[in-house]
Amino acid sequence: MQPTDGATATANPSWVAADMDALIRQCEARLAEHDGQLGRLAAGVATLNAEIASVRAQRQETVDTREEALRVQETLLAATRAGVALRSGQHQGPTRVADTPEPDQEGTGSGTDAAAAPPAADAPPAEENSVTAETDPPVAFDASKLGPRGMQALQIITGTPGQQWTPKLLAIQLEGQEAAADQKAHNRARTLMDDLAKKQLLAKEYREEANRRLCYFVAASAAGAA
């Protein structure tokens, strides 16, 4: 006999047992579905954690490489500054000093040599010698006071002493190939090279080409050698 209403179905133990059995099966199906989702999510989390660990390791390698590159760059800049300072000092030339007689020429010679010596009145005035001896040589510019862009330009130019540098060539080296047609980049490079020439780190030279007088720059050490 089928129950006619809800109260009758609830009061019938067999119907309640059957309903609980169906509910249990539904719960087990949902549990299996949830377990599957949790498994997939756990696998995804494990994969994500592995990717995070890999990216972190790669990032640390990049940080180490960058720090090493900074150390190498600083070493190169320090060597460049030292080389430029050394070249600048040589370019100024040796200090001029007054000619002084050797000790054996001041009275240790024979009487004949003393008699043949010219009169003291013919000797050059002492004031002229003192001026020559006391003249200080020009002080070389300290290349370490250049800014980063000035040091970069100087390092590029001194790296190829025989190259005749124009503002366009230097602009390409500093700002990339796109600077070849950028007049503003050429002007920036020309201003930079003029400043280095004023500091005697570069030499400005000229050449005739197609009935035009062209200006270019070379390293000061290369100009001195020429």
C-alpha atoms as a PDB file:
ATOM      1  CA  MET A   1       0.000   0.000   0.000  1.00  0.00           C
ATOM      2  CA  GLN A   2       1.338   3.441  -0.988  1.00  0.00           C
ATOM      3  CA  PRO A   3       1.211   6.251   1.590  1.00  0.00           C
ATOM      4  CA  THR A   4      -1.362   8.880   0.849  1.00  0.00           C
ATOM      5  CA  ASP A   5       0.336  11.860   2.535  1.00  0.00           C
ATOM      6  CA  GLY A   6       3.597  13.016   4.076  1.00  0.00           C
ATOM      7  CA  ALA A   7       2.595  12.154   7.598  1.00  0.00           C
ATOM      8  CA  THR A   8       1.909   8.560   6.619  1.00  0.00           C
ATOM      9  CA  ALA A   9       5.272   8.323   4.793  1.00  0.00           C
ATOM     10  CA  THR A  10       7.126   9.759   7.762  1.00  0.00           C
ATOM     11  CA  ALA A  11       5.431   7.382  10.157  1.00  0.00           C
ATOM     12  CA  ASN A  12       6.350   4.349   8.017  1.00  0.00           C
ATOM     13  CA  PRO A  13       9.807   3.053   9.120  1.00  0.00           C
ATOM     14  CA  SER A  14      10.467   1.310   5.797  1.00  0.00           C
ATOM     15  CA  TRP A  15       9.977   4.525   3.872  1.00  0.00           C
ATOM     16  CA  VAL A  16      12.253   6.394   6.254  1.00  0.00           C
ATOM     17  CA  ALA A  17      14.953   3.717   5.907  1.00  0.00           C
ATOM     18  CA  ALA A  18      14.731   3.853   2.131  1.00  0.00           C
ATOM     19  CA  ASP A  19      14.894   7.663   2.144  1.00  0.00           C
ATOM     20  CA  MET A  20      17.973   7.635   4.392  1.00  0.00           C
ATOM     21  CA  ASP A  21      19.626   5.085   2.147  1.00  0.00           C
ATOM     22  CA  ALA A  22      19.078   7.365  -0.876  1.00  0.00           C
ATOM     23  CA  LEU A  23      20.374  10.359   1.081  1.00  0.00           C
ATOM     24  CA  ILE A  24      23.498   8.441   2.066  1.00  0.00           C
ATOM     25  CA  ARG A  25      24.171   7.541  -1.586  1.00  0.00           C
ATOM     26  CA  GLN A  26      23.748  11.190  -2.582  1.00  0.00           C
ATOM     27  CA  CYS A  27      26.196  12.252   0.134  1.00  0.00           C
ATOM     28  CA  GLU A  28      28.726   9.636  -0.945  1.00  0.00           C
ATOM     29  CA  ALA A  29      28.487  10.831  -4.556  1.00  0.00           C
ATOM     30  CA  ARG A  30      29.015  14.419  -3.460  1.00  0.00           C
ATOM     31  CA  LEU A  31      31.952  13.388  -1.261  1.00  0.00           C
ATOM     32  CA  ALA A  32      33.555  11.617  -4.207  1.00  0.00           C
ATOM     33  CA  GLU A  33      33.054  14.726  -6.324  1.00  0.00           C
ATOM     34  CA  HIS A  34      34.552  16.968  -3.617  1.00  0.00           C
ATOM     35  CA  ASP A  35      37.491  14.598  -3.170  1.00  0.00           C
ATOM     36  CA  GLY A  36      38.165  14.761  -6.892  1.00  0.00           C
ATOM     37  CA  GLN A  37      38.083  18.563  -6.847  1.00  0.00           C
ATOM     38  CA  LEU A  38      40.392  18.679  -3.828  1.00  0.00           C
ATOM     39  CA  GLY A  39      42.816  16.329  -5.563  1.00  0.00           C
ATOM     40  CA  ARG A  40      42.879  18.443  -8.691  1.00  0.00           C
ATOM     41  CA  LEU A  41      43.342  21.617  -6.639  1.00  0.00           C
ATOM     42  CA  ALA A  42      46.136  20.054  -4.590  1.00  0.00           C
ATOM     43  CA  ALA A  43      47.892  18.993  -7.787  1.00  0.00           C
ATOM     44  CA  GLY A  44      47.497  22.500  -9.157  1.00  0.00           C
ATOM     45  CA  VAL A  45      48.879  24.016  -5.961  1.00  0.00           C
ATOM     46  CA  ALA A  46      51.870  21.670  -6.080  1.00  0.00           C
ATOM     47  CA  THR A  47      52.537  22.652  -9.691  1.00  0.00           C
ATOM     48  CA  LEU A  48      52.168  26.343  -8.814  1.00  0.00           C
ATOM     49  CA  ASN A  49      54.529  26.000  -5.857  1.00  0.00           C
ATOM     50  CA  ALA A  50      57.074  24.304  -8.101  1.00  0.00           C
ATOM     51  CA  GLU A  51      56.799  27.134 -10.631  1.00  0.00           C
ATOM     52  CA  ILE A  52      57.156  29.725  -7.845  1.00  0.00           C
ATOM     53  CA  ALA A  53      60.283  27.990  -6.561  1.00  0.00           C
ATOM     54  CA  SER A  54      61.733  27.873 -10.098  1.00  0.00           C
ATOM     55  CA  VAL A  55      61.043  31.560 -10.734  1.00  0.00           C
ATOM     56  CA  ARG A  56      62.543  32.502  -7.369  1.00  0.00           C
ATOM     57  CA  ALA A  57      65.709  30.537  -8.178  1.00  0.00           C
ATOM     58  CA  GLN A  58      65.970  32.206 -11.587  1.00  0.00           C
ATOM     59  CA  ARG A  59      65.425  35.614  -9.994  1.00  0.00           C
ATOM     60  CA  GLN A  60      68.205  34.993  -7.491  1.00  0.00           C
ATOM     61  CA  GLU A  61      70.538  34.012 -10.325  1.00  0.00           C
ATOM     62  CA  THR A  62      69.650  37.259 -12.086  1.00  0.00           C
ATOM     63  CA  VAL A  63      70.317  39.260  -8.908  1.00  0.00           C
ATOM     64  CA  ASP A  64      73.728  37.586  -8.525  1.00  0.00           C
ATOM     65  CA  THR A  65      74.578  38.236 -12.175  1.00  0.00           C
ATOM     66  CA  ARG A  66      73.548  41.900 -11.854  1.00  0.00           C
ATOM     67  CA  GLU A  67      75.681  42.389  -8.747  1.00  0.00           C
ATOM     68  CA  GLU A  68      78.671  40.804 -10.478  1.00  0.00           C
ATOM     69  CA  ALA A  69      78.118  43.029 -13.536  1.00  0.00           C
ATOM     70  CA  LEU A  70      78.029  46.105 -11.273  1.00  0.00           C
ATOM     71  CA  ARG A  71      81.317  45.057  -9.687  1.00  0.00           C
ATOM     72  CA  VAL A  72      82.914  44.524 -13.107  1.00  0.00           C
ATOM     73  CA  GLN A  73      81.582  47.873 -14.340  1.00  0.00           C
ATOM     74  CA  GLU A  74      82.986  49.691 -11.310  1.00  0.00           C
ATOM     75  CA  THR A  75      86.350  47.975 -11.821  1.00  0.00           C
ATOM     76  CA  LEU A  76      86.400  49.013 -15.488  1.00  0.00           C
ATOM     77  CA  LEU A  77      85.447  52.599 -14.657  1.00  0.00           C
ATOM     78  CA  ALA A  78      88.137  52.777 -11.985  1.00  0.00           C
ATOM     79  CA  ALA A  79      90.711  51.438 -14.459  1.00  0.00           C
ATOM     80  CA  THR A  80      89.518  53.924 -17.082  1.00  0.00           C
ATOM     81  CA  ARG A  81      89.787  56.825 -14.647  1.00  0.00           C
ATOM     82  CA  ALA A  82      93.296  55.754 -13.664  1.00  0.00           C
ATOM     83  CA  GLY A  83      94.346  55.373 -17.299  1.00  0.00           C
ATOM     84  CA  VAL A  84      92.920  58.735 -18.309  1.00  0.00           C
ATOM     85  CA  ALA A  85      94.588  60.448 -15.349  1.00  0.00           C
ATOM     86  CA  LEU A  86      97.906  58.805 -16.270  1.00  0.00           C
ATOM     87  CA  ARG A  87      97.563  59.789 -19.928  1.00  0.00           C
ATOM     88  CA  SER A  88      96.566  63.323 -18.990  1.00  0.00           C
ATOM     89  CA  GLY A  89      99.659  63.676 -16.826  1.00  0.00           C
ATOM     90  CA  GLN A  90     101.914  62.468 -19.663  1.00  0.00           C
ATOM     91  CA  HIS A  91     100.191  64.757 -22.152  1.00  0.00           C
ATOM     92  CA  GLN A  92     101.172  67.820 -20.099  1.00  0.00           C
ATOM     93  CA  GLY A  93     104.849  67.049 -20.653  1.00  0.00           C
ATOM     94  CA  PRO A  94     107.702  67.080 -18.140  1.00  0.00           C
ATOM     95  CA  THR A  95     108.152  69.992 -15.772  1.00  0.00           C
ATOM     96  CA  ARG A  96     110.585  72.602 -17.062  1.00  0.00           C
ATOM     97  CA  VAL A  97     113.389  73.422 -14.667  1.00  0.00           C
ATOM     98  CA  ALA A  98     116.234  75.892 -14.889  1.00  0.00           C
ATOM     99  CA  ASP A  99     119.536  74.609 -16.177  1.00  0.00           C
ATOM    100  CA  THR A 100     122.031  74.323 -13.321  1.00  0.00           C
ATOM    101  CA  PRO A 101     125.735  73.556 -13.667  1.00  0.00           C
ATOM    102  CA  GLU A 102     127.053  70.200 -12.627  1.00  0.00           C
ATOM    103  CA  PRO A 103     128.949  70.120  -9.301  1.00  0.00           C
ATOM    104  CA  ASP A 104     132.259  69.470 -11.026  1.00  0.00           C
ATOM    105  CA  GLN A 105     131.743  72.668 -13.075  1.00  0.00           C
ATOM    106  CA  GLU A 106     131.420  74.968 -10.025  1.00  0.00           C
ATOM    107  CA  GLY A 107     135.041  75.068  -8.884  1.00  0.00           C
ATOM    108  CA  THR A 108     136.498  71.590  -9.030  1.00  0.00           C
ATOM    109  CA  GLY A 109     138.001  72.156 -12.496  1.00  0.00           C
ATOM    110  CA  SER A 110     141.553  73.247 -13.284  1.00  0.00           C
ATOM    111  CA  GLY A 111     142.763  76.825 -13.084  1.00  0.00           C
ATOM    112  CA  THR A 112     142.802  76.974 -16.887  1.00  0.00           C
ATOM    113  CA  ASP A 113     139.067  76.100 -17.015  1.00  0.00           C
ATOM    114  CA  ALA A 114     138.353  78.748 -14.395  1.00  0.00           C
ATOM    115  CA  ALA A 115     140.249  81.343 -16.341  1.00  0.00           C
ATOM    116  CA  ALA A 116     138.430  80.416 -19.558  1.00  0.00           C
ATOM    117  CA  ALA A 117     135.043  80.806 -17.902  1.00  0.00           C
ATOM    118  CA  PRO A 118     133.028  83.796 -19.221  1.00  0.00           C
ATOM    119  CA  PRO A 119     132.639  86.836 -16.962  1.00  0.00           C
ATOM    120  CA  ALA A 120     129.822  86.757 -14.467  1.00  0.00           C
ATOM    121  CA  ALA A 121     128.274  89.802 -16.115  1.00  0.00           C
ATOM    122  CA  ASP A 122     127.468  87.711 -19.221  1.00  0.00           C
ATOM    123  CA  ALA A 123     125.429  85.188 -17.265  1.00  0.00           C
ATOM    124  CA  PRO A 124     121.619  85.411 -17.627  1.00  0.00           C
ATOM    125  CA  PRO A 125     119.892  87.368 -14.849  1.00  0.00           C
ATOM    126  CA  ALA A 126     118.962  85.307 -11.823  1.00  0.00           C
ATOM    127  CA  GLU A 127     115.365  86.539 -12.021  1.00  0.00           C
ATOM    128  CA  GLU A 128     114.793  84.821 -15.366  1.00  0.00           C
ATOM    129  CA  ASN A 129     116.023  81.473 -14.054  1.00  0.00           C
ATOM    130  CA  SER A 130     113.903  81.753 -10.931  1.00  0.00           C
ATOM    131  CA  VAL A 131     110.780  82.480 -12.962  1.00  0.00           C
ATOM    132  CA  THR A 132     111.393  79.431 -15.122  1.00  0.00           C
ATOM    133  CA  ALA A 133     112.033  77.213 -12.127  1.00  0.00           C
ATOM    134  CA  GLU A 134     109.069  78.435 -10.139  1.00  0.00           C
ATOM    135  CA  THR A 135     106.482  78.111 -12.910  1.00  0.00           C
ATOM    136  CA  ASP A 136     104.028  75.383 -11.901  1.00  0.00           C
ATOM    137  CA  PRO A 137     103.063  72.843 -14.602  1.00  0.00           C
ATOM    138  CA  PRO A 138      99.387  72.668 -15.624  1.00  0.00           C
ATOM    139  CA  VAL A 139      97.331  70.454 -13.353  1.00  0.00           C
ATOM    140  CA  ALA A 140      95.740  67.464 -15.105  1.00  0.00           C
ATOM    141  CA  PHE A 141      91.974  67.210 -14.850  1.00  0.00           C
ATOM    142  CA  ASP A 142      90.718  64.514 -12.494  1.00  0.00           C
ATOM    143  CA  ALA A 143      88.654  62.208 -14.719  1.00  0.00           C
ATOM    144  CA  SER A 144      86.969  60.733 -11.660  1.00  0.00           C
ATOM    145  CA  LYS A 145      84.914  63.958 -11.408  1.00  0.00           C
ATOM    146  CA  LEU A 146      83.131  63.246 -14.686  1.00  0.00           C
ATOM    147  CA  GLY A 147      79.517  62.165 -14.571  1.00  0.00           C
ATOM    148  CA  PRO A 148      78.377  58.686 -15.675  1.00  0.00           C
ATOM    149  CA  ARG A 149      77.594  59.861 -19.210  1.00  0.00           C
ATOM    150  CA  GLY A 150      80.921  61.658 -19.524  1.00  0.00           C
ATOM    151  CA  MET A 151      82.791  58.593 -18.280  1.00  0.00           C
ATOM    152  CA  GLN A 152      80.882  56.390 -20.731  1.00  0.00           C
ATOM    153  CA  ALA A 153      81.732  58.682 -23.645  1.00  0.00           C
ATOM    154  CA  LEU A 154      85.370  58.917 -22.606  1.00  0.00           C
ATOM    155  CA  GLN A 155      85.613  55.153 -22.212  1.00  0.00           C
ATOM    156  CA  ILE A 156      84.184  54.633 -25.712  1.00  0.00           C
ATOM    157  CA  ILE A 157      86.548  57.142 -27.357  1.00  0.00           C
ATOM    158  CA  THR A 158      89.702  56.066 -25.519  1.00  0.00           C
ATOM    159  CA  GLY A 159      88.871  52.443 -26.371  1.00  0.00           C
ATOM    160  CA  THR A 160      89.726  53.172 -30.032  1.00  0.00           C
ATOM    161  CA  PRO A 161      92.485  55.841 -29.961  1.00  0.00           C
ATOM    162  CA  GLY A 162      92.851  56.006 -33.751  1.00  0.00           C
ATOM    163  CA  GLN A 163      89.155  56.590 -34.454  1.00  0.00           C
ATOM    164  CA  GLN A 164      88.055  60.022 -35.660  1.00  0.00           C
ATOM    165  CA  TRP A 165      84.863  60.585 -33.680  1.00  0.00           C
ATOM    166  CA  THR A 166      82.004  62.770 -34.853  1.00  0.00           C
ATOM    167  CA  PRO A 167      78.929  63.672 -32.776  1.00  0.00           C
ATOM    168  CA  LYS A 168      76.832  61.312 -34.909  1.00  0.00           C
ATOM    169  CA  LEU A 169      79.141  58.326 -34.300  1.00  0.00           C
ATOM    170  CA  LEU A 170      79.234  58.966 -30.560  1.00  0.00           C
ATOM    171  CA  ALA A 171      75.452  59.454 -30.388  1.00  0.00           C
ATOM    172  CA  ILE A 172      74.957  56.033 -31.998  1.00  0.00           C
ATOM    173  CA  GLN A 173      77.288  54.429 -29.448  1.00  0.00           C
ATOM    174  CA  LEU A 174      75.566  56.160 -26.519  1.00  0.00           C
ATOM    175  CA  GLU A 175      71.894  55.989 -27.560  1.00  0.00           C
ATOM    176  CA  GLY A 176      71.641  53.225 -30.142  1.00  0.00           C
ATOM    177  CA  GLN A 177      71.277  53.000 -33.907  1.00  0.00           C
ATOM    178  CA  GLU A 178      68.062  55.041 -33.880  1.00  0.00           C
ATOM    179  CA  ALA A 179      70.160  58.089 -32.922  1.00  0.00           C
ATOM    180  CA  ALA A 180      71.716  58.126 -36.410  1.00  0.00           C
ATOM    181  CA  ALA A 181      68.905  60.340 -37.722  1.00  0.00           C
ATOM    182  CA  ASP A 182      68.246  62.221 -34.460  1.00  0.00           C
ATOM    183  CA  GLN A 183      69.784  65.699 -34.654  1.00  0.00           C
ATOM    184  CA  LYS A 184      69.060  66.333 -30.972  1.00  0.00           C
ATOM    185  CA  ALA A 185      71.100  63.263 -30.083  1.00  0.00           C
ATOM    186  CA  HIS A 186      73.927  64.609 -32.270  1.00  0.00           C
ATOM    187  CA  ASN A 187      73.766  67.943 -30.443  1.00  0.00           C
ATOM    188  CA  ARG A 188      73.888  66.226 -27.050  1.00  0.00           C
ATOM    189  CA  ALA A 189      76.936  64.246 -28.129  1.00  0.00           C
ATOM    190  CA  ARG A 190      78.645  67.385 -29.521  1.00  0.00           C
ATOM    191  CA  THR A 191      78.091  69.247 -26.235  1.00  0.00           C
ATOM    192  CA  LEU A 192      79.524  66.297 -24.315  1.00  0.00           C
ATOM    193  CA  MET A 193      82.597  66.104 -26.576  1.00  0.00           C
ATOM    194  CA  ASP A 194      83.196  69.860 -26.389  1.00  0.00           C
ATOM    195  CA  ASP A 195      83.137  69.627 -22.591  1.00  0.00           C
ATOM    196  CA  LEU A 196      85.670  66.766 -22.626  1.00  0.00           C
ATOM    197  CA  ALA A 197      87.863  68.771 -25.019  1.00  0.00           C
ATOM    198  CA  LYS A 198      87.789  71.767 -22.630  1.00  0.00           C
ATOM    199  CA  LYS A 199      89.031  69.431 -19.898  1.00  0.00           C
ATOM    200  CA  GLN A 200      91.891  68.345 -22.249  1.00  0.00           C
ATOM    201  CA  LEU A 201      90.625  64.758 -22.280  1.00  0.00           C
ATOM    202  CA  LEU A 202      89.813  64.963 -26.006  1.00  0.00           C
ATOM    203  CA  ALA A 203      91.495  66.817 -28.847  1.00  0.00           C
ATOM    204  CA  LYS A 204      89.563  68.644 -31.553  1.00  0.00           C
ATOM    205  CA  GLU A 205      90.989  68.286 -35.057  1.00  0.00           C
ATOM    206  CA  TYR A 206      89.878  69.193 -38.553  1.00  0.00           C
ATOM    207  CA  ARG A 207      90.060  67.693 -42.032  1.00  0.00           C
ATOM    208  CA  GLU A 208      89.133  68.824 -45.523  1.00  0.00           C
ATOM    209  CA  GLU A 209      86.530  66.731 -47.297  1.00  0.00           C
ATOM    210  CA  ALA A 210      84.584  67.658 -50.455  1.00  0.00           C
ATOM    211  CA  ASN A 211      85.646  71.303 -50.125  1.00  0.00           C
ATOM    212  CA  ARG A 212      84.320  71.362 -46.568  1.00  0.00           C
ATOM    213  CA  ARG A 213      86.179  71.668 -43.303  1.00  0.00           C
ATOM    214  CA  LEU A 214      84.942  68.923 -40.964  1.00  0.00           C
ATOM    215  CA  CYS A 215      85.569  68.806 -37.218  1.00  0.00           C
ATOM    216  CA  TYR A 216      86.145  65.580 -35.362  1.00  0.00           C
ATOM    217  CA  PHE A 217      87.485  64.477 -31.976  1.00  0.00           C
ATOM    218  CA  VAL A 218      90.185  62.022 -30.917  1.00  0.00           C
ATOM    219  CA  ALA A 219      91.523  60.876 -27.562  1.00  0.00           C
ATOM    220  CA  ALA A 220      94.011  63.340 -26.106  1.00  0.00           C
ATOM    221  CA  SER A 221      96.655  60.606 -25.781  1.00  0.00           C
ATOM    222  CA  ALA A 222      96.277  59.718 -29.473  1.00  0.00           C
ATOM    223  CA  ALA A 223      96.612  63.368 -30.481  1.00  0.00           C
ATOM    224  CA  GLY A 224      99.765  63.709 -28.377  1.00  0.00           C
ATOM    225  CA  ALA A 225     101.263  60.595 -29.963  1.00  0.00           C
ATOM    226  CA  ALA A 226     100.508  61.947 -33.449  1.00  0.00           C
END
